[in-house]
PDB file of all heavy atoms in Angstrom:
ATOM      1  N   LYS A   1    -108.800 -34.988 -50.859  1.00  0.00           N
ATOM      2  CA  LYS A   1    -109.283 -33.630 -50.475  1.00  0.00           C
ATOM      3  C   LYS A   1    -110.800 -33.583 -50.442  1.00  0.00           C
ATOM      4  O   LYS A   1    -111.485 -34.076 -51.298  1.00  0.00           O
ATOM      5  CB  LYS A   1    -108.749 -32.628 -51.493  1.00  0.00           C
ATOM      6  CG  LYS A   1    -109.089 -31.200 -51.201  1.00  0.00           C
ATOM      7  CD  LYS A   1    -108.605 -30.239 -52.259  1.00  0.00           C
ATOM      8  CE  LYS A   1    -109.324 -30.438 -53.591  1.00  0.00           C
ATOM      9  NZ  LYS A   1    -109.024 -29.385 -54.529  1.00  0.00           N
ATOM     10  N   ILE A   2    -111.334 -32.944 -49.371  1.00  0.00           N
ATOM     11  CA  ILE A   2    -112.793 -32.810 -49.276  1.00  0.00           C
ATOM     12  C   ILE A   2    -113.039 -31.318 -48.960  1.00  0.00           C
ATOM     13  O   ILE A   2    -112.523 -30.716 -48.025  1.00  0.00           O
ATOM     14  CB  ILE A   2    -113.378 -33.682 -48.169  1.00  0.00           C
ATOM     15  CG1 ILE A   2    -113.125 -35.129 -48.465  1.00  0.00           C
ATOM     16  CG2 ILE A   2    -114.862 -33.383 -48.022  1.00  0.00           C
ATOM     17  CD1 ILE A   2    -113.570 -36.065 -47.413  1.00  0.00           C
ATOM     18  N   ASP A   3    -113.845 -30.691 -49.837  1.00  0.00           N
ATOM     19  CA  ASP A   3    -114.244 -29.280 -49.699  1.00  0.00           C
ATOM     20  C   ASP A   3    -115.696 -29.231 -49.266  1.00  0.00           C
ATOM     21  O   ASP A   3    -116.541 -29.892 -49.884  1.00  0.00           O
ATOM     22  CB  ASP A   3    -114.052 -28.512 -50.952  1.00  0.00           C
ATOM     23  CG  ASP A   3    -112.576 -28.473 -51.418  1.00  0.00           C
ATOM     24  OD1 ASP A   3    -111.820 -27.660 -50.892  1.00  0.00           O
ATOM     25  OD2 ASP A   3    -112.187 -29.274 -52.306  1.00  0.00           O
ATOM     26  N   ILE A   4    -115.974 -28.442 -48.210  1.00  0.00           N
ATOM     27  CA  ILE A   4    -117.342 -28.357 -47.695  1.00  0.00           C
ATOM     28  C   ILE A   4    -117.803 -26.932 -47.702  1.00  0.00           C
ATOM     29  O   ILE A   4    -117.143 -26.104 -47.036  1.00  0.00           O
ATOM     30  CB  ILE A   4    -117.433 -28.954 -46.269  1.00  0.00           C
ATOM     31  CG1 ILE A   4    -116.799 -30.353 -46.193  1.00  0.00           C
ATOM     32  CG2 ILE A   4    -118.895 -28.982 -45.773  1.00  0.00           C
ATOM     33  CD1 ILE A   4    -116.754 -30.918 -44.793  1.00  0.00           C
ATOM     34  N   TRP A   5    -118.902 -26.663 -48.367  1.00  0.00           N
ATOM     35  CA  TRP A   5    -119.530 -25.349 -48.312  1.00  0.00           C
ATOM     36  C   TRP A   5    -120.646 -25.398 -47.277  1.00  0.00           C
ATOM     37  O   TRP A   5    -121.465 -26.340 -47.250  1.00  0.00           O
ATOM     38  CB  TRP A   5    -120.092 -24.958 -49.686  1.00  0.00           C
ATOM     39  CG  TRP A   5    -119.077 -24.309 -50.543  1.00  0.00           C
ATOM     40  CD1 TRP A   5    -118.835 -22.977 -50.751  1.00  0.00           C
ATOM     41  CD2 TRP A   5    -118.119 -25.007 -51.399  1.00  0.00           C
ATOM     42  NE1 TRP A   5    -117.759 -22.812 -51.625  1.00  0.00           N
ATOM     43  CE2 TRP A   5    -117.330 -24.026 -52.036  1.00  0.00           C
ATOM     44  CE3 TRP A   5    -117.830 -26.319 -51.652  1.00  0.00           C
ATOM     45  CZ2 TRP A   5    -116.291 -24.318 -52.952  1.00  0.00           C
ATOM     46  CZ3 TRP A   5    -116.809 -26.679 -52.499  1.00  0.00           C
ATOM     47  CH2 TRP A   5    -116.027 -25.659 -53.152  1.00  0.00           C
ATOM     48  N   SER A   6    -120.652 -24.383 -46.424  1.00  0.00           N
ATOM     49  CA  SER A   6    -121.591 -24.446 -45.232  1.00  0.00           C
ATOM     50  C   SER A   6    -121.789 -23.052 -44.711  1.00  0.00           C
ATOM     51  O   SER A   6    -120.917 -22.186 -44.817  1.00  0.00           O
ATOM     52  CB  SER A   6    -120.912 -25.364 -44.172  1.00  0.00           C
ATOM     53  OG  SER A   6    -121.539 -25.247 -42.942  1.00  0.00           O
ATOM     54  N   ASP A   7    -122.967 -22.832 -44.121  1.00  0.00           N
ATOM     55  CA  ASP A   7    -123.264 -21.566 -43.452  1.00  0.00           C
ATOM     56  C   ASP A   7    -123.375 -21.820 -41.959  1.00  0.00           C
ATOM     57  O   ASP A   7    -123.898 -22.879 -41.567  1.00  0.00           O
ATOM     58  CB  ASP A   7    -124.533 -20.937 -43.991  1.00  0.00           C
ATOM     59  CG  ASP A   7    -124.712 -19.486 -43.575  1.00  0.00           C
ATOM     60  OD1 ASP A   7    -123.798 -18.939 -42.897  1.00  0.00           O
ATOM     61  OD2 ASP A   7    -125.777 -18.876 -43.854  1.00  0.00           O
ATOM     62  N   ILE A   8    -122.985 -20.907 -41.138  1.00  0.00           N
ATOM     63  CA  ILE A   8    -123.071 -21.081 -39.707  1.00  0.00           C
ATOM     64  C   ILE A   8    -124.539 -21.015 -39.288  1.00  0.00           C
ATOM     65  O   ILE A   8    -124.930 -21.741 -38.391  1.00  0.00           O
ATOM     66  CB  ILE A   8    -122.282 -20.005 -38.955  1.00  0.00           C
ATOM     67  CG1 ILE A   8    -120.787 -20.136 -39.339  1.00  0.00           C
ATOM     68  CG2 ILE A   8    -122.413 -20.117 -37.468  1.00  0.00           C
ATOM     69  CD1 ILE A   8    -120.042 -18.852 -39.390  1.00  0.00           C
ATOM     70  N   ALA A   9    -125.305 -20.188 -39.953  1.00  0.00           N
ATOM     71  CA  ALA A   9    -126.741 -20.059 -39.599  1.00  0.00           C
ATOM     72  C   ALA A   9    -127.597 -21.078 -40.271  1.00  0.00           C
ATOM     73  O   ALA A   9    -128.722 -20.812 -40.696  1.00  0.00           O
ATOM     74  CB  ALA A   9    -127.178 -18.666 -39.950  1.00  0.00           C
ATOM     75  N   CYS A  10    -127.098 -22.320 -40.418  1.00  0.00           N
ATOM     76  CA  CYS A  10    -127.791 -23.382 -41.097  1.00  0.00           C
ATOM     77  C   CYS A  10    -127.842 -24.597 -40.194  1.00  0.00           C
ATOM     78  O   CYS A  10    -126.824 -25.213 -39.968  1.00  0.00           O
ATOM     79  CB  CYS A  10    -127.057 -23.737 -42.405  1.00  0.00           C
ATOM     80  SG  CYS A  10    -127.531 -25.318 -43.178  1.00  0.00           S
ATOM     81  N   PRO A  11    -129.002 -24.964 -39.697  1.00  0.00           N
ATOM     82  CA  PRO A  11    -129.105 -26.078 -38.738  1.00  0.00           C
ATOM     83  C   PRO A  11    -128.647 -27.422 -39.310  1.00  0.00           C
ATOM     84  O   PRO A  11    -128.052 -28.230 -38.634  1.00  0.00           O
ATOM     85  CB  PRO A  11    -130.586 -26.125 -38.352  1.00  0.00           C
ATOM     86  CG  PRO A  11    -131.313 -25.420 -39.491  1.00  0.00           C
ATOM     87  CD  PRO A  11    -130.368 -24.368 -39.960  1.00  0.00           C
ATOM     88  N   TRP A  12    -128.926 -27.603 -40.639  1.00  0.00           N
ATOM     89  CA  TRP A  12    -128.561 -28.865 -41.227  1.00  0.00           C
ATOM     90  C   TRP A  12    -127.029 -28.960 -41.476  1.00  0.00           C
ATOM     91  O   TRP A  12    -126.467 -30.027 -41.605  1.00  0.00           O
ATOM     92  CB  TRP A  12    -129.302 -29.097 -42.548  1.00  0.00           C
ATOM     93  CG  TRP A  12    -130.752 -29.403 -42.274  1.00  0.00           C
ATOM     94  CD1 TRP A  12    -131.821 -28.592 -42.523  1.00  0.00           C
ATOM     95  CD2 TRP A  12    -131.319 -30.605 -41.741  1.00  0.00           C
ATOM     96  NE1 TRP A  12    -133.004 -29.206 -42.141  1.00  0.00           N
ATOM     97  CE2 TRP A  12    -132.701 -30.432 -41.675  1.00  0.00           C
ATOM     98  CE3 TRP A  12    -130.744 -31.795 -41.285  1.00  0.00           C
ATOM     99  CZ2 TRP A  12    -133.577 -31.446 -41.127  1.00  0.00           C
ATOM    100  CZ3 TRP A  12    -131.567 -32.799 -40.795  1.00  0.00           C
ATOM    101  CH2 TRP A  12    -132.959 -32.601 -40.685  1.00  0.00           C
ATOM    102  N   CYS A  13    -126.385 -27.789 -41.524  1.00  0.00           N
ATOM    103  CA  CYS A  13    -124.929 -27.793 -41.711  1.00  0.00           C
ATOM    104  C   CYS A  13    -124.254 -28.392 -40.485  1.00  0.00           C
ATOM    105  O   CYS A  13    -123.192 -29.095 -40.624  1.00  0.00           O
ATOM    106  CB  CYS A  13    -124.428 -26.376 -41.968  1.00  0.00           C
ATOM    107  SG  CYS A  13    -124.869 -25.774 -43.633  1.00  0.00           S
ATOM    108  N   TYR A  14    -124.717 -28.087 -39.310  1.00  0.00           N
ATOM    109  CA  TYR A  14    -124.111 -28.666 -38.086  1.00  0.00           C
ATOM    110  C   TYR A  14    -124.410 -30.174 -38.013  1.00  0.00           C
ATOM    111  O   TYR A  14    -123.550 -30.982 -37.669  1.00  0.00           O
ATOM    112  CB  TYR A  14    -124.690 -27.947 -36.873  1.00  0.00           C
ATOM    113  CG  TYR A  14    -123.842 -28.019 -35.632  1.00  0.00           C
ATOM    114  CD1 TYR A  14    -122.603 -28.615 -35.606  1.00  0.00           C
ATOM    115  CD2 TYR A  14    -124.269 -27.453 -34.404  1.00  0.00           C
ATOM    116  CE1 TYR A  14    -121.790 -28.661 -34.455  1.00  0.00           C
ATOM    117  CE2 TYR A  14    -123.492 -27.459 -33.294  1.00  0.00           C
ATOM    118  CZ  TYR A  14    -122.247 -28.075 -33.307  1.00  0.00           C
ATOM    119  OH  TYR A  14    -121.470 -28.094 -32.169  1.00  0.00           O
ATOM    120  N   ILE A  15    -125.638 -30.529 -38.296  1.00  0.00           N
ATOM    121  CA  ILE A  15    -125.977 -31.961 -38.349  1.00  0.00           C
ATOM    122  C   ILE A  15    -125.141 -32.699 -39.391  1.00  0.00           C
ATOM    123  O   ILE A  15    -124.632 -33.813 -39.119  1.00  0.00           O
ATOM    124  CB  ILE A  15    -127.488 -32.127 -38.643  1.00  0.00           C
ATOM    125  CG1 ILE A  15    -128.294 -31.583 -37.435  1.00  0.00           C
ATOM    126  CG2 ILE A  15    -127.889 -33.600 -38.820  1.00  0.00           C
ATOM    127  CD1 ILE A  15    -129.768 -31.402 -37.686  1.00  0.00           C
ATOM    128  N   GLY A  16    -125.028 -32.091 -40.576  1.00  0.00           N
ATOM    129  CA  GLY A  16    -124.223 -32.708 -41.632  1.00  0.00           C
ATOM    130  C   GLY A  16    -122.781 -32.854 -41.248  1.00  0.00           C
ATOM    131  O   GLY A  16    -122.119 -33.837 -41.582  1.00  0.00           O
ATOM    132  N   LYS A  17    -122.237 -31.847 -40.504  1.00  0.00           N
ATOM    133  CA  LYS A  17    -120.853 -31.956 -40.021  1.00  0.00           C
ATOM    134  C   LYS A  17    -120.693 -33.149 -39.144  1.00  0.00           C
ATOM    135  O   LYS A  17    -119.685 -33.878 -39.267  1.00  0.00           O
ATOM    136  CB  LYS A  17    -120.512 -30.623 -39.298  1.00  0.00           C
ATOM    137  CG  LYS A  17    -119.058 -30.555 -38.832  1.00  0.00           C
ATOM    138  CD  LYS A  17    -118.796 -29.190 -38.165  1.00  0.00           C
ATOM    139  CE  LYS A  17    -117.304 -28.978 -37.872  1.00  0.00           C
ATOM    140  NZ  LYS A  17    -116.811 -29.862 -36.815  1.00  0.00           N
ATOM    141  N   ARG A  18    -121.597 -33.327 -38.205  1.00  0.00           N
ATOM    142  CA  ARG A  18    -121.500 -34.460 -37.328  1.00  0.00           C
ATOM    143  C   ARG A  18    -121.576 -35.803 -38.036  1.00  0.00           C
ATOM    144  O   ARG A  18    -120.823 -36.736 -37.753  1.00  0.00           O
ATOM    145  CB  ARG A  18    -122.622 -34.440 -36.254  1.00  0.00           C
ATOM    146  CG  ARG A  18    -122.311 -33.520 -35.072  1.00  0.00           C
ATOM    147  CD  ARG A  18    -121.139 -34.153 -34.251  1.00  0.00           C
ATOM    148  NE  ARG A  18    -120.866 -33.310 -33.113  1.00  0.00           N
ATOM    149  CZ  ARG A  18    -120.061 -32.225 -33.148  1.00  0.00           C
ATOM    150  NH1 ARG A  18    -119.442 -31.915 -34.273  1.00  0.00           N
ATOM    151  NH2 ARG A  18    -119.902 -31.437 -32.073  1.00  0.00           N
ATOM    152  N   ARG A  19    -122.495 -35.897 -39.000  1.00  0.00           N
ATOM    153  CA  ARG A  19    -122.645 -37.188 -39.737  1.00  0.00           C
ATOM    154  C   ARG A  19    -121.428 -37.489 -40.572  1.00  0.00           C
ATOM    155  O   ARG A  19    -120.989 -38.608 -40.726  1.00  0.00           O
ATOM    156  CB  ARG A  19    -123.931 -37.125 -40.578  1.00  0.00           C
ATOM    157  CG  ARG A  19    -125.192 -37.123 -39.731  1.00  0.00           C
ATOM    158  CD  ARG A  19    -126.438 -36.947 -40.572  1.00  0.00           C
ATOM    159  NE  ARG A  19    -127.633 -37.037 -39.742  1.00  0.00           N
ATOM    160  CZ  ARG A  19    -128.867 -36.819 -40.152  1.00  0.00           C
ATOM    161  NH1 ARG A  19    -129.084 -36.493 -41.457  1.00  0.00           N
ATOM    162  NH2 ARG A  19    -129.876 -36.894 -39.312  1.00  0.00           N
ATOM    163  N   PHE A  20    -120.881 -36.447 -41.209  1.00  0.00           N
ATOM    164  CA  PHE A  20    -119.643 -36.596 -41.985  1.00  0.00           C
ATOM    165  C   PHE A  20    -118.530 -37.040 -41.105  1.00  0.00           C
ATOM    166  O   PHE A  20    -117.741 -37.917 -41.431  1.00  0.00           O
ATOM    167  CB  PHE A  20    -119.327 -35.321 -42.739  1.00  0.00           C
ATOM    168  CG  PHE A  20    -117.954 -35.324 -43.314  1.00  0.00           C
ATOM    169  CD1 PHE A  20    -117.663 -36.035 -44.472  1.00  0.00           C
ATOM    170  CD2 PHE A  20    -116.923 -34.614 -42.747  1.00  0.00           C
ATOM    171  CE1 PHE A  20    -116.433 -36.067 -45.019  1.00  0.00           C
ATOM    172  CE2 PHE A  20    -115.626 -34.640 -43.251  1.00  0.00           C
ATOM    173  CZ  PHE A  20    -115.417 -35.359 -44.418  1.00  0.00           C
ATOM    174  N   GLU A  21    -118.385 -36.381 -39.914  1.00  0.00           N
ATOM    175  CA  GLU A  21    -117.326 -36.726 -39.002  1.00  0.00           C
ATOM    176  C   GLU A  21    -117.450 -38.196 -38.490  1.00  0.00           C
ATOM    177  O   GLU A  21    -116.402 -38.847 -38.287  1.00  0.00           O
ATOM    178  CB  GLU A  21    -117.327 -35.755 -37.774  1.00  0.00           C
ATOM    179  CG  GLU A  21    -116.883 -34.367 -38.153  1.00  0.00           C
ATOM    180  CD  GLU A  21    -117.145 -33.367 -37.032  1.00  0.00           C
ATOM    181  OE1 GLU A  21    -117.995 -33.630 -36.180  1.00  0.00           O
ATOM    182  OE2 GLU A  21    -116.538 -32.261 -37.104  1.00  0.00           O
ATOM    183  N   THR A  22    -118.643 -38.633 -38.347  1.00  0.00           N
ATOM    184  CA  THR A  22    -118.865 -40.086 -37.948  1.00  0.00           C
ATOM    185  C   THR A  22    -118.289 -41.004 -39.008  1.00  0.00           C
ATOM    186  O   THR A  22    -117.594 -41.996 -38.734  1.00  0.00           O
ATOM    187  CB  THR A  22    -120.352 -40.354 -37.723  1.00  0.00           C
ATOM    188  OG1 THR A  22    -120.843 -39.584 -36.655  1.00  0.00           O
ATOM    189  CG2 THR A  22    -120.620 -41.791 -37.441  1.00  0.00           C
ATOM    190  N   ALA A  23    -118.592 -40.667 -40.266  1.00  0.00           N
ATOM    191  CA  ALA A  23    -118.053 -41.479 -41.367  1.00  0.00           C
ATOM    192  C   ALA A  23    -116.562 -41.394 -41.471  1.00  0.00           C
ATOM    193  O   ALA A  23    -115.881 -42.402 -41.675  1.00  0.00           O
ATOM    194  CB  ALA A  23    -118.710 -41.048 -42.696  1.00  0.00           C
ATOM    195  N   LEU A  24    -116.046 -40.174 -41.325  1.00  0.00           N
ATOM    196  CA  LEU A  24    -114.582 -39.990 -41.438  1.00  0.00           C
ATOM    197  C   LEU A  24    -113.855 -40.693 -40.308  1.00  0.00           C
ATOM    198  O   LEU A  24    -112.757 -41.268 -40.552  1.00  0.00           O
ATOM    199  CB  LEU A  24    -114.241 -38.485 -41.414  1.00  0.00           C
ATOM    200  CG  LEU A  24    -112.783 -38.056 -41.641  1.00  0.00           C
ATOM    201  CD1 LEU A  24    -112.366 -38.575 -43.036  1.00  0.00           C
ATOM    202  CD2 LEU A  24    -112.614 -36.590 -41.487  1.00  0.00           C
ATOM    203  N   ALA A  25    -114.409 -40.747 -39.115  1.00  0.00           N
ATOM    204  CA  ALA A  25    -113.750 -41.380 -37.980  1.00  0.00           C
ATOM    205  C   ALA A  25    -113.576 -42.858 -38.228  1.00  0.00           C
ATOM    206  O   ALA A  25    -112.611 -43.450 -37.689  1.00  0.00           O
ATOM    207  CB  ALA A  25    -114.559 -41.143 -36.714  1.00  0.00           C
ATOM    208  N   ARG A  26    -114.460 -43.498 -38.946  1.00  0.00           N
ATOM    209  CA  ARG A  26    -114.308 -44.911 -39.183  1.00  0.00           C
ATOM    210  C   ARG A  26    -113.698 -45.255 -40.551  1.00  0.00           C
ATOM    211  O   ARG A  26    -113.577 -46.423 -40.915  1.00  0.00           O
ATOM    212  CB  ARG A  26    -115.693 -45.604 -39.062  1.00  0.00           C
ATOM    213  CG  ARG A  26    -116.737 -45.157 -40.069  1.00  0.00           C
ATOM    214  CD  ARG A  26    -118.119 -45.636 -39.592  1.00  0.00           C
ATOM    215  NE  ARG A  26    -119.106 -45.367 -40.563  1.00  0.00           N
ATOM    216  CZ  ARG A  26    -120.440 -45.328 -40.317  1.00  0.00           C
ATOM    217  NH1 ARG A  26    -120.866 -45.531 -39.090  1.00  0.00           N
ATOM    218  NH2 ARG A  26    -121.346 -45.071 -41.292  1.00  0.00           N
ATOM    219  N   PHE A  27    -113.286 -44.226 -41.266  1.00  0.00           N
ATOM    220  CA  PHE A  27    -112.623 -44.396 -42.559  1.00  0.00           C
ATOM    221  C   PHE A  27    -111.170 -44.803 -42.370  1.00  0.00           C
ATOM    222  O   PHE A  27    -110.408 -44.095 -41.675  1.00  0.00           O
ATOM    223  CB  PHE A  27    -112.712 -43.114 -43.405  1.00  0.00           C
ATOM    224  CG  PHE A  27    -112.163 -43.188 -44.762  1.00  0.00           C
ATOM    225  CD1 PHE A  27    -112.605 -44.127 -45.699  1.00  0.00           C
ATOM    226  CD2 PHE A  27    -111.184 -42.311 -45.194  1.00  0.00           C
ATOM    227  CE1 PHE A  27    -112.134 -44.229 -46.951  1.00  0.00           C
ATOM    228  CE2 PHE A  27    -110.687 -42.357 -46.486  1.00  0.00           C
ATOM    229  CZ  PHE A  27    -111.171 -43.347 -47.374  1.00  0.00           C
ATOM    230  N   PRO A  28    -110.671 -45.916 -42.926  1.00  0.00           N
ATOM    231  CA  PRO A  28    -109.354 -46.427 -42.640  1.00  0.00           C
ATOM    232  C   PRO A  28    -108.270 -45.397 -43.036  1.00  0.00           C
ATOM    233  O   PRO A  28    -107.155 -45.449 -42.448  1.00  0.00           O
ATOM    234  CB  PRO A  28    -109.267 -47.665 -43.490  1.00  0.00           C
ATOM    235  CG  PRO A  28    -110.701 -48.090 -43.737  1.00  0.00           C
ATOM    236  CD  PRO A  28    -111.453 -46.855 -43.788  1.00  0.00           C
ATOM    237  N   HIS A  29    -108.519 -44.564 -44.026  1.00  0.00           N
ATOM    238  CA  HIS A  29    -107.504 -43.647 -44.520  1.00  0.00           C
ATOM    239  C   HIS A  29    -107.752 -42.206 -44.015  1.00  0.00           C
ATOM    240  O   HIS A  29    -107.317 -41.249 -44.708  1.00  0.00           O
ATOM    241  CB  HIS A  29    -107.434 -43.700 -46.031  1.00  0.00           C
ATOM    242  CG  HIS A  29    -107.360 -45.084 -46.577  1.00  0.00           C
ATOM    243  ND1 HIS A  29    -106.230 -45.863 -46.507  1.00  0.00           N
ATOM    244  CD2 HIS A  29    -108.310 -45.869 -47.226  1.00  0.00           C
ATOM    245  CE1 HIS A  29    -106.472 -47.069 -47.065  1.00  0.00           C
ATOM    246  NE2 HIS A  29    -107.726 -47.091 -47.480  1.00  0.00           N
TER     247      HIS A  29
END
């Protein structure tokens, strides 16, 4: 389980979402 706290009006939140998704996409599980 991964819980993410984030605000829509936060530029780093969108960037962080993309970077996390990159890691998750290559995660075997």
